[in-house]
Amino acid sequence: MEALLVNDREASQLLSISRSKFHVLVAEGRIQRLKIGRSARYRRTDILEFTKTLAADASRDAVAAPGRP
C-alpha cells in the first residue's frame, strides 16, 4: 500500500523535479504543506492533482495560442 503522505524528497521524485523547485511550488501555494510536529508532509493526492492542473494549463494555452509551435 502506498503512503498517504510523503516528504519533500519523495514528492519531488514523484514529480521528477528538484527539491528546490518543489519548495518553490510549495511557497507559491500550488502544493499544500501539512505540518506534523516539526515535520512537513505532502498528500500524495495533492501531488497527483497538481499534475492534472499542469495538463489543464497546457491545454488552455494551446487553445489560447492557435498556430503557435
C-alpha atoms as a PDB file:
ATOM      1  CA  MET A   1       0.000   0.000   0.000  1.00  0.00           C
ATOM      2  CA  GLU A   2       1.263   3.467  -0.898  1.00  0.00           C
ATOM      3  CA  ALA A   3       1.720   6.045   1.823  1.00  0.00           C
ATOM      4  CA  LEU A   4      -0.911   8.783   2.021  1.00  0.00           C
ATOM      5  CA  LEU A   5       1.699  11.390   3.000  1.00  0.00           C
ATOM      6  CA  VAL A   6       5.171  11.894   1.562  1.00  0.00           C
ATOM      7  CA  ASN A   7       8.142  14.065   2.497  1.00  0.00           C
ATOM      8  CA  ASP A   8       9.684  16.663   0.194  1.00  0.00           C
ATOM      9  CA  ARG A   9      12.237  14.231  -1.241  1.00  0.00           C
ATOM     10  CA  GLU A  10       9.563  11.696  -2.158  1.00  0.00           C
ATOM     11  CA  ALA A  11       7.231  14.388  -3.509  1.00  0.00           C
ATOM     12  CA  SER A  12       9.920  15.875  -5.749  1.00  0.00           C
ATOM     13  CA  GLN A  13      10.756  12.379  -7.017  1.00  0.00           C
ATOM     14  CA  LEU A  14       7.078  11.778  -7.859  1.00  0.00           C
ATOM     15  CA  LEU A  15       7.136  14.964  -9.946  1.00  0.00           C
ATOM     16  CA  SER A  16      10.631  14.314 -11.358  1.00  0.00           C
ATOM     17  CA  ILE A  17      11.810  17.763 -10.289  1.00  0.00           C
ATOM     18  CA  SER A  18      14.472  19.047  -7.919  1.00  0.00           C
ATOM     19  CA  ARG A  19      13.693  19.565  -4.261  1.00  0.00           C
ATOM     20  CA  SER A  20      14.411  23.278  -4.624  1.00  0.00           C
ATOM     21  CA  LYS A  21      11.861  23.582  -7.467  1.00  0.00           C
ATOM     22  CA  PHE A  22       9.390  21.629  -5.346  1.00  0.00           C
ATOM     23  CA  HIS A  23       9.879  24.093  -2.478  1.00  0.00           C
ATOM     24  CA  VAL A  24       9.202  26.976  -4.895  1.00  0.00           C
ATOM     25  CA  LEU A  25       5.867  25.360  -5.830  1.00  0.00           C
ATOM     26  CA  VAL A  26       5.001  24.998  -2.143  1.00  0.00           C
ATOM     27  CA  ALA A  27       5.978  28.635  -1.437  1.00  0.00           C
ATOM     28  CA  GLU A  28       3.764  29.759  -4.340  1.00  0.00           C
ATOM     29  CA  GLY A  29       0.860  27.863  -2.776  1.00  0.00           C
ATOM     30  CA  ARG A  30       0.497  25.468  -5.692  1.00  0.00           C
ATOM     31  CA  ILE A  31       1.040  22.458  -3.408  1.00  0.00           C
ATOM     32  CA  GLN A  32      -0.225  22.404   0.174  1.00  0.00           C
ATOM     33  CA  ARG A  33       2.152  21.598   3.040  1.00  0.00           C
ATOM     34  CA  LEU A  34       0.970  19.808   6.159  1.00  0.00           C
ATOM     35  CA  LYS A  35       2.862  20.255   9.409  1.00  0.00           C
ATOM     36  CA  ILE A  36       3.043  17.288  11.742  1.00  0.00           C
ATOM     37  CA  GLY A  37       5.054  18.412  14.706  1.00  0.00           C
ATOM     38  CA  ARG A  38       8.268  19.756  13.205  1.00  0.00           C
ATOM     39  CA  SER A  39       7.929  17.697  10.025  1.00  0.00           C
ATOM     40  CA  ALA A  40       6.449  18.838   6.728  1.00  0.00           C
ATOM     41  CA  ARG A  41       4.456  16.311   4.736  1.00  0.00           C
ATOM     42  CA  TYR A  42       2.503  16.441   1.486  1.00  0.00           C
ATOM     43  CA  ARG A  43      -0.588  14.500   0.436  1.00  0.00           C
ATOM     44  CA  ARG A  44       0.054  12.136  -2.435  1.00  0.00           C
ATOM     45  CA  THR A  45      -3.375  13.117  -3.793  1.00  0.00           C
ATOM     46  CA  ASP A  46      -2.357  16.824  -3.814  1.00  0.00           C
ATOM     47  CA  ILE A  47       0.765  15.943  -5.817  1.00  0.00           C
ATOM     48  CA  LEU A  48      -1.305  14.000  -8.363  1.00  0.00           C
ATOM     49  CA  GLU A  49      -3.902  16.782  -8.506  1.00  0.00           C
ATOM     50  CA  PHE A  50      -1.116  19.280  -9.224  1.00  0.00           C
ATOM     51  CA  THR A  51      -0.086  17.268 -12.300  1.00  0.00           C
ATOM     52  CA  LYS A  52      -3.688  17.450 -13.555  1.00  0.00           C
ATOM     53  CA  THR A  53      -3.592  21.250 -13.296  1.00  0.00           C
ATOM     54  CA  LEU A  54      -0.427  21.246 -15.405  1.00  0.00           C
ATOM     55  CA  ALA A  55      -2.200  19.265 -18.121  1.00  0.00           C
ATOM     56  CA  ALA A  56      -5.210  21.588 -17.965  1.00  0.00           C
ATOM     57  CA  ASP A  57      -2.936  24.661 -18.181  1.00  0.00           C
ATOM     58  CA  ALA A  58      -1.163  23.202 -21.213  1.00  0.00           C
ATOM     59  CA  SER A  59      -4.479  22.524 -22.955  1.00  0.00           C
ATOM     60  CA  ARG A  60      -5.762  26.014 -22.207  1.00  0.00           C
ATOM     61  CA  ASP A  61      -2.531  27.581 -23.501  1.00  0.00           C
ATOM     62  CA  ALA A  62      -2.767  25.550 -26.722  1.00  0.00           C
ATOM     63  CA  VAL A  63      -6.306  26.809 -27.342  1.00  0.00           C
ATOM     64  CA  ALA A  64      -5.397  30.409 -26.472  1.00  0.00           C
ATOM     65  CA  ALA A  65      -2.494  30.491 -28.941  1.00  0.00           C
ATOM     66  CA  PRO A  66      -3.511  28.536 -32.071  1.00  0.00           C
ATOM     67  CA  GLY A  67      -0.845  28.094 -34.721  1.00  0.00           C
ATOM     68  CA  ARG A  68       1.907  28.621 -32.215  1.00  0.00           C
ATOM     69  CA  PRO A  69       4.621  25.915 -32.225  1.00  0.00           C
END
